[in-house]
Protein backbone atom coordinates (compact mmCIF):
# COMPACT_ATOMS: atom_id res chain seq x y z
CA MET A 1 -12.10 -46.12 -12.14
CA ALA A 2 -11.71 -49.72 -13.30
CA VAL A 3 -10.87 -50.83 -9.73
CA ASN A 4 -13.95 -49.07 -8.36
CA ALA A 5 -16.16 -50.62 -11.03
CA SER A 6 -14.82 -54.11 -10.32
CA ALA A 7 -15.29 -53.58 -6.59
CA GLN A 8 -18.88 -52.51 -7.14
CA ASN A 9 -19.52 -55.59 -9.29
CA VAL A 10 -18.08 -57.87 -6.61
CA SER A 11 -20.17 -56.22 -3.89
CA ALA A 12 -23.31 -56.46 -6.01
CA LYS A 13 -22.71 -60.16 -6.68
CA SER A 14 -22.07 -60.84 -3.00
CA GLN A 15 -25.23 -58.97 -2.03
CA GLU A 16 -27.23 -60.95 -4.59
CA LYS A 17 -25.78 -64.22 -3.30
CA GLN A 18 -26.63 -63.21 0.27
CA ASN A 19 -30.22 -62.40 -0.71
CA MET A 20 -30.56 -65.79 -2.39
CA GLN A 21 -29.26 -67.55 0.71
CA GLU A 22 -31.68 -65.60 2.91
CA SER A 23 -34.60 -66.49 0.65
CA GLN A 24 -33.62 -70.17 0.79
CA THR A 25 -33.34 -70.19 4.59
CA MET A 26 -36.53 -68.16 5.01
CA PRO A 27 -39.44 -70.00 6.64
CA PRO A 28 -42.14 -71.18 4.20
CA GLN A 29 -44.76 -68.87 5.72
CA LEU A 30 -42.64 -65.75 5.23
CA ARG A 31 -41.68 -66.85 1.73
CA ALA A 32 -45.33 -67.38 0.81
CA ALA A 33 -46.25 -63.97 2.26
CA ARG A 34 -43.51 -62.27 0.24
CA LEU A 35 -44.62 -64.02 -2.95
CA GLY A 36 -48.20 -63.02 -2.22
CA LYS A 37 -47.23 -59.36 -1.90
CA GLN A 38 -45.26 -59.55 -5.15
CA ARG A 39 -48.28 -61.04 -6.95
CA ILE A 40 -50.51 -58.26 -5.62
CA VAL A 41 -48.09 -55.57 -6.80
CA LYS A 42 -47.77 -57.20 -10.23
CA THR A 43 -51.55 -57.52 -10.52
CA ILE A 44 -52.05 -53.84 -9.66
CA ILE A 45 -49.43 -52.71 -12.18
CA LEU A 46 -50.89 -54.95 -14.90
CA THR A 47 -54.43 -53.74 -14.18
CA VAL A 48 -53.45 -50.07 -14.32
CA THR A 49 -51.56 -50.64 -17.58
CA LEU A 50 -54.50 -52.45 -19.19
CA LEU A 51 -56.89 -49.70 -18.09
CA PHE A 52 -54.56 -47.10 -19.55
CA LEU A 53 -54.60 -48.96 -22.87
CA PHE A 54 -58.23 -50.04 -23.13
CA VAL A 55 -60.20 -47.14 -21.59
CA PRO A 56 -59.48 -44.85 -24.60
CA LEU A 57 -60.49 -47.65 -26.99
CA VAL A 58 -63.75 -48.25 -25.15
CA SER A 59 -64.43 -44.51 -25.06
CA MET A 60 -63.92 -44.24 -28.82
CA PHE A 61 -66.27 -47.17 -29.42
CA LEU A 62 -68.96 -45.60 -27.22
CA PHE A 63 -68.53 -42.34 -29.11
CA THR A 64 -69.29 -44.13 -32.40
CA ILE A 65 -72.60 -45.60 -31.22
CA ARG A 66 -73.98 -42.54 -29.40
CA HIS A 67 -75.61 -39.68 -31.29
CA PRO A 68 -74.10 -36.41 -30.00
CA LEU A 69 -77.32 -34.36 -30.24
CA SER A 70 -80.11 -36.73 -29.27
CA GLY A 71 -78.05 -38.93 -26.97
CA LYS A 72 -79.53 -42.09 -28.52
CA TRP A 73 -77.50 -45.25 -28.84
CA SER A 74 -77.39 -46.92 -32.25
CA PHE A 75 -75.20 -49.31 -34.22
CA ASP A 76 -76.26 -47.79 -37.55
CA PRO A 77 -72.79 -46.34 -38.28
CA TRP A 78 -71.17 -49.77 -37.87
CA ILE A 79 -73.89 -51.44 -39.94
CA ALA A 80 -73.40 -48.85 -42.67
CA ILE A 81 -69.65 -49.45 -42.72
CA PHE A 82 -69.83 -53.24 -42.96
CA THR A 83 -72.72 -53.28 -45.43
CA GLY A 84 -71.22 -50.52 -47.57
CA ASP A 85 -74.48 -48.57 -47.62
CA GLY A 86 -74.03 -45.06 -46.30
CA SER A 87 -77.43 -43.78 -47.40
CA ALA A 88 -78.81 -44.21 -43.88
CA LEU A 89 -76.10 -41.88 -42.63
CA GLY A 90 -76.34 -39.50 -45.57
CA ALA A 91 -72.72 -40.13 -46.55
CA ASP A 92 -70.85 -41.58 -49.51
CA LEU A 93 -68.67 -44.34 -48.07
CA SER A 94 -66.74 -44.75 -51.29
CA THR A 95 -64.54 -41.89 -50.08
CA LEU A 96 -63.80 -43.82 -46.90
CA TRP A 97 -62.87 -47.01 -48.73
CA SER A 98 -60.72 -45.05 -51.18
CA GLY A 99 -58.85 -43.36 -48.34
CA LEU A 100 -58.45 -46.63 -46.42
CA GLY A 101 -57.08 -48.41 -49.48
CA ALA A 102 -54.63 -45.59 -50.15
CA SER A 103 -53.42 -45.60 -46.53
CA LEU A 104 -52.94 -49.38 -46.47
CA ALA A 105 -50.96 -49.25 -49.72
CA LEU A 106 -48.89 -46.39 -48.30
CA CYS A 107 -48.18 -48.44 -45.17
CA VAL A 108 -46.76 -51.31 -47.21
CA VAL A 109 -44.66 -49.16 -49.54
CA THR A 110 -43.40 -46.86 -46.79
CA VAL A 111 -42.32 -49.75 -44.56
CA LEU A 112 -40.52 -51.46 -47.45
CA ILE A 113 -38.62 -48.31 -48.45
CA MET A 114 -37.78 -47.53 -44.83
CA LEU A 115 -36.38 -51.02 -44.18
CA VAL A 116 -34.40 -51.10 -47.44
CA LEU A 117 -32.82 -47.73 -46.62
CA LEU A 118 -32.26 -47.97 -42.88
CA VAL A 119 -31.40 -51.59 -42.07
CA PRO A 120 -28.42 -52.05 -44.45
CA THR A 121 -27.15 -48.53 -43.76
CA MET A 122 -27.25 -48.94 -39.99
CA VAL A 123 -25.63 -52.38 -40.15
CA ILE A 124 -22.78 -51.14 -42.37
CA VAL A 125 -22.18 -48.11 -40.16
CA HIS A 126 -22.29 -50.30 -37.07
CA ILE A 127 -19.61 -52.58 -38.52
CA ARG A 128 -17.37 -50.24 -40.48
CA SER A 129 -17.52 -46.76 -39.01
CA ARG A 130 -19.04 -46.08 -35.61
CA ARG A 131 -18.01 -42.42 -35.98
CA LEU A 132 -20.68 -41.92 -38.63
CA GLU A 133 -23.36 -43.30 -36.32
CA ARG A 134 -23.79 -39.95 -34.56
CA ALA A 135 -24.13 -38.10 -37.86
CA ILE A 136 -26.67 -40.58 -39.23
CA GLU A 137 -28.62 -40.44 -35.97
CA TRP A 138 -28.74 -36.65 -36.19
CA VAL A 139 -29.97 -36.76 -39.80
CA ALA A 140 -32.53 -39.47 -39.01
CA THR A 141 -34.00 -37.62 -36.02
CA LEU A 142 -34.01 -34.22 -37.75
CA PRO A 143 -37.65 -34.55 -38.99
CA LEU A 144 -38.80 -34.54 -35.36
CA THR A 145 -37.67 -30.92 -35.04
CA ILE A 146 -39.39 -29.79 -38.25
CA PRO A 147 -43.19 -29.35 -38.16
CA ALA A 148 -45.19 -31.13 -40.85
CA ILE A 149 -46.51 -27.81 -42.16
CA VAL A 150 -42.91 -26.68 -42.79
CA LEU A 151 -42.11 -29.94 -44.57
CA VAL A 152 -45.07 -29.36 -46.87
CA VAL A 153 -43.67 -25.96 -47.86
CA GLY A 154 -40.56 -27.71 -49.15
CA LEU A 155 -42.33 -30.79 -50.51
CA GLY A 156 -45.00 -28.82 -52.38
CA PRO A 157 -42.83 -27.67 -55.33
CA ILE A 158 -41.17 -31.09 -55.55
CA TYR A 159 -44.48 -32.94 -55.72
CA ARG A 160 -45.85 -30.39 -58.16
CA TRP A 161 -42.95 -31.09 -60.52
CA LEU A 162 -43.12 -34.85 -59.99
CA SER A 163 -46.87 -34.94 -60.60
CA ALA A 164 -46.60 -32.93 -63.81
CA ASP A 165 -43.46 -34.34 -65.41
CA VAL A 166 -42.48 -37.65 -63.81
CA LEU A 167 -45.16 -39.31 -61.70
CA SER A 168 -48.93 -39.09 -61.39
CA THR A 169 -51.06 -37.46 -58.70
CA ASN A 170 -51.79 -40.83 -57.11
CA ALA A 171 -51.62 -40.84 -53.32
CA ILE A 172 -49.13 -43.71 -53.37
CA TRP A 173 -46.32 -41.26 -54.10
CA LEU A 174 -46.75 -39.81 -50.62
CA CYS A 175 -44.58 -42.74 -49.55
CA PHE A 176 -41.43 -40.65 -50.11
CA ALA A 177 -42.63 -37.96 -47.71
CA TYR A 178 -43.82 -40.56 -45.22
CA VAL A 179 -40.42 -42.26 -45.17
CA VAL A 180 -38.99 -38.97 -43.92
CA LEU A 181 -41.70 -38.72 -41.26
CA VAL A 182 -41.25 -42.26 -39.91
CA MET A 183 -37.45 -42.27 -40.04
CA PRO A 184 -36.82 -40.93 -36.49
CA PHE A 185 -39.08 -43.55 -34.87
CA ALA A 186 -37.83 -46.41 -37.04
CA PHE A 187 -34.21 -45.42 -36.47
CA ARG A 188 -34.54 -45.58 -32.69
CA ALA A 189 -36.30 -48.95 -32.81
CA LEU A 190 -33.59 -50.43 -35.03
CA ALA A 191 -30.79 -48.84 -33.00
CA VAL A 192 -32.01 -50.61 -29.86
CA GLY A 193 -31.77 -53.97 -31.61
CA LEU A 194 -28.31 -53.28 -33.05
CA ASN A 195 -26.96 -52.13 -29.69
CA SER A 196 -28.29 -55.24 -27.95
CA ILE A 197 -26.18 -57.66 -30.03
CA ASP A 198 -22.50 -57.81 -30.95
CA VAL A 199 -22.87 -57.21 -34.68
CA LYS A 200 -19.15 -57.11 -35.46
CA THR A 201 -18.42 -60.40 -33.69
CA LEU A 202 -21.32 -62.15 -35.40
CA CYS A 203 -20.15 -60.94 -38.80
CA GLU A 204 -16.52 -61.91 -38.20
CA ALA A 205 -17.51 -65.37 -36.96
CA SER A 206 -19.80 -65.96 -39.92
CA ARG A 207 -17.24 -64.73 -42.42
CA SER A 208 -14.54 -66.93 -40.88
CA LEU A 209 -16.81 -69.93 -41.46
CA GLY A 210 -17.09 -69.08 -45.15
CA ALA A 211 -20.44 -67.26 -45.26
CA SER A 212 -20.88 -64.56 -47.89
CA TRP A 213 -22.02 -61.07 -46.94
CA PRO A 214 -25.59 -61.59 -48.23
CA ARG A 215 -25.79 -64.81 -46.23
CA VAL A 216 -24.46 -63.08 -43.12
CA PHE A 217 -27.01 -60.31 -43.52
CA PHE A 218 -30.09 -62.44 -44.19
CA ARG A 219 -29.28 -65.58 -42.18
CA VAL A 220 -27.42 -64.16 -39.18
CA LEU A 221 -28.22 -60.48 -38.61
CA ILE A 222 -31.85 -60.26 -39.72
CA PRO A 223 -33.03 -63.09 -37.37
CA ASN A 224 -31.33 -61.32 -34.45
CA LEU A 225 -32.92 -57.99 -35.43
CA TRP A 226 -36.38 -59.39 -36.15
CA GLN A 227 -38.05 -57.88 -33.08
CA SER A 228 -36.57 -54.45 -33.77
CA ILE A 229 -37.64 -54.66 -37.41
CA LEU A 230 -41.19 -55.50 -36.36
CA SER A 231 -41.20 -52.61 -33.87
CA ALA A 232 -39.97 -50.17 -36.51
CA SER A 233 -42.57 -51.47 -38.98
CA PHE A 234 -45.49 -51.17 -36.56
CA ILE A 235 -44.45 -47.67 -35.48
CA SER A 236 -44.21 -46.65 -39.14
CA ILE A 237 -47.67 -48.09 -39.86
CA ALA A 238 -49.14 -46.15 -36.93
CA VAL A 239 -47.59 -42.90 -38.17
CA VAL A 240 -48.80 -43.44 -41.75
CA LEU A 241 -52.36 -44.33 -40.71
CA GLY A 242 -52.60 -41.24 -38.51
CA GLU A 243 -50.99 -38.72 -40.86
CA TYR A 244 -53.24 -35.90 -42.08
CA THR A 245 -51.34 -32.65 -42.57
CA VAL A 246 -49.04 -33.64 -45.44
CA ALA A 247 -51.75 -35.49 -47.39
CA SER A 248 -54.31 -32.73 -46.94
CA LEU A 249 -52.05 -29.83 -47.91
CA LEU A 250 -50.63 -31.72 -50.90
CA GLY A 251 -54.14 -32.54 -52.10
CA ARG A 252 -53.85 -36.32 -51.75
CA MET A 253 -56.39 -38.78 -50.35
CA ASN A 254 -55.69 -41.02 -47.37
CA LEU A 255 -57.68 -42.38 -44.43
CA GLN A 256 -57.52 -39.25 -42.27
CA VAL A 257 -58.47 -36.95 -45.16
CA ALA A 258 -61.41 -39.24 -45.98
CA LEU A 259 -62.58 -39.19 -42.35
CA TYR A 260 -62.35 -35.41 -42.30
CA GLN A 261 -64.40 -35.13 -45.49
CA LEU A 262 -67.06 -37.50 -44.15
CA GLY A 263 -67.21 -35.62 -40.86
């Protein structure tokens, strides 16, 4: 197997070298034509991708300025939102601002708890015991297989006890449930970053130079995992901002519940 793999690597390198030599000896006209075709293909792919991303956004914006019954176009909803006066729409926008504030606070707290729990745990497992990585991955991705309505059945008694005896009924305490919901997505984003670098070698090299474990973690590993941490954070924010089922069934206010009440 090792011989076959090495032979394949050698053949791939020789083929790549041959292609480079052919491109260098290619006449300028043919080279320009090939580059032109590549630009056209890249432009088409980029255009299709941008349309896929922006057409839904434009459609949502058009939906907000068109009255569904009369078909008239009006910016009154946007004016009401930015002026804070919902009387023209016959709605109390204080509910919207309350839900938006709760969701933004939940985003911050959920992301912080998720990073504090996942990043050190995954780094330690990656360094010390790779056998536990499979078990932690299974636990982290388990919420994907459990519907939100089923989670609420288990979370309901817990939140009822917490609200009565320990915590308040403030929506901020939904952060514990939201950490469970975002864990599968955050885990995969962080796992990609950890698998792309040699964590053990970086730690051993840093420790051999006299760096303490906190210094290794914050000055060596975190900068190398920064992109994965940002990806996990943004995915978590998207999940929290779009969550409705848990907040609604537990009787808490967030952005989606506020939008439902206004609608």
